[in-house]
Structures are given as C-alpha cells and as structure tokens.
Amino acid sequence: MTFNEQLRQEGRQEGRQEGRQEGEHQKALAIAKKMLAEGSEFAFVKKVTDLFDEDIQKIAPQH
C-alpha cells in the first residue's frame, strides 16, 4: 500500500467514526426530547443519555 493510499484509508476510517459518533449523538438527542416531553426529570435524562447540560437545555420545552 502506498503512503497516499494509506492516508486515504485512514481518512475514510476517521470519517466513518465521526459519522457514527454524530449519529449516536442525534439518537441521544431524540431520546432525550421524548423523555422530556413525557415529563422525565432533567437529571434522569442526563444520566440515561450521557448528554451535556447544554444539549438537553437546547431541546427542553420552555415553560
């Protein structure tokens, strides 16, 4: 394998990893949104989804 081929392969692997992480994050946000809509407490949503406070606050319904 040439150096350029190796770089391209590593780039593709990094891209796939980033895509998986983004997908997992989006799924966690969707789950958190549903939990909040059903009345789950903020701390419980954070514990279950492993999201940051800021992420949950952005999707939390405003009262």
Protein backbone atom coordinates (compact mmCIF):
# COMPACT_ATOMS: atom_id res chain seq x y z
CA MET A 1 0.00 0.00 0.00
CA THR A 2 1.41 3.38 -0.92
CA PHE A 3 1.60 6.26 1.51
CA ASN A 4 -1.22 8.14 -0.28
CA GLU A 5 -3.47 5.08 -0.24
CA GLN A 6 -2.80 4.66 3.47
CA LEU A 7 -3.70 8.31 4.11
CA ARG A 8 -6.93 7.96 2.14
CA GLN A 9 -7.85 4.80 4.04
CA GLU A 10 -7.16 6.48 7.38
CA GLY A 11 -9.25 9.47 6.29
CA ARG A 12 -12.18 7.24 5.38
CA GLN A 13 -11.94 5.44 8.72
CA GLU A 14 -11.92 8.74 10.59
CA GLY A 15 -14.89 9.94 8.56
CA ARG A 16 -16.88 6.80 9.34
CA GLN A 17 -16.05 7.13 13.04
CA GLU A 18 -17.16 10.77 13.07
CA GLY A 19 -20.35 9.80 11.26
CA ARG A 20 -21.13 7.10 13.81
CA GLN A 21 -20.50 9.48 16.69
CA GLU A 22 -22.75 12.13 15.15
CA GLY A 23 -25.46 9.52 14.58
CA GLU A 24 -25.24 8.36 18.19
CA HIS A 25 -25.44 11.96 19.38
CA GLN A 26 -28.51 12.65 17.25
CA LYS A 27 -30.18 9.48 18.56
CA ALA A 28 -29.45 10.51 22.16
CA LEU A 29 -30.96 13.93 21.49
CA ALA A 30 -34.10 12.34 20.05
CA ILE A 31 -34.45 10.06 23.07
CA ALA A 32 -33.89 12.96 25.47
CA LYS A 33 -36.52 15.03 23.70
CA LYS A 34 -39.07 12.23 24.06
CA MET A 35 -38.18 11.69 27.70
CA LEU A 36 -38.58 15.38 28.49
CA ALA A 37 -41.90 15.51 26.64
CA GLU A 38 -43.10 12.62 28.82
CA GLY A 39 -42.13 14.50 31.97
CA SER A 40 -38.81 12.90 32.89
CA GLU A 41 -36.60 14.92 35.20
CA PHE A 42 -33.61 16.74 33.71
CA ALA A 43 -31.08 14.83 35.86
CA PHE A 44 -32.58 11.48 34.86
CA VAL A 45 -32.47 12.38 31.16
CA LYS A 46 -28.83 13.41 31.53
CA LYS A 47 -27.95 10.17 33.31
CA VAL A 48 -29.66 7.96 30.74
CA THR A 49 -28.45 9.74 27.60
CA ASP A 50 -24.98 10.92 28.73
CA LEU A 51 -25.68 14.28 27.07
CA PHE A 52 -24.22 17.55 28.33
CA ASP A 53 -26.45 20.02 30.18
CA GLU A 54 -26.25 22.44 27.25
CA ASP A 55 -27.53 19.82 24.80
CA ILE A 56 -30.51 18.99 26.97
CA GLN A 57 -31.32 22.64 27.66
CA LYS A 58 -31.45 23.34 23.92
CA ILE A 59 -34.16 20.72 23.37
CA ALA A 60 -36.05 21.10 26.64
CA PRO A 61 -39.54 22.56 26.23
CA GLN A 62 -39.73 26.10 27.54
CA HIS A 63 -42.32 26.73 30.24
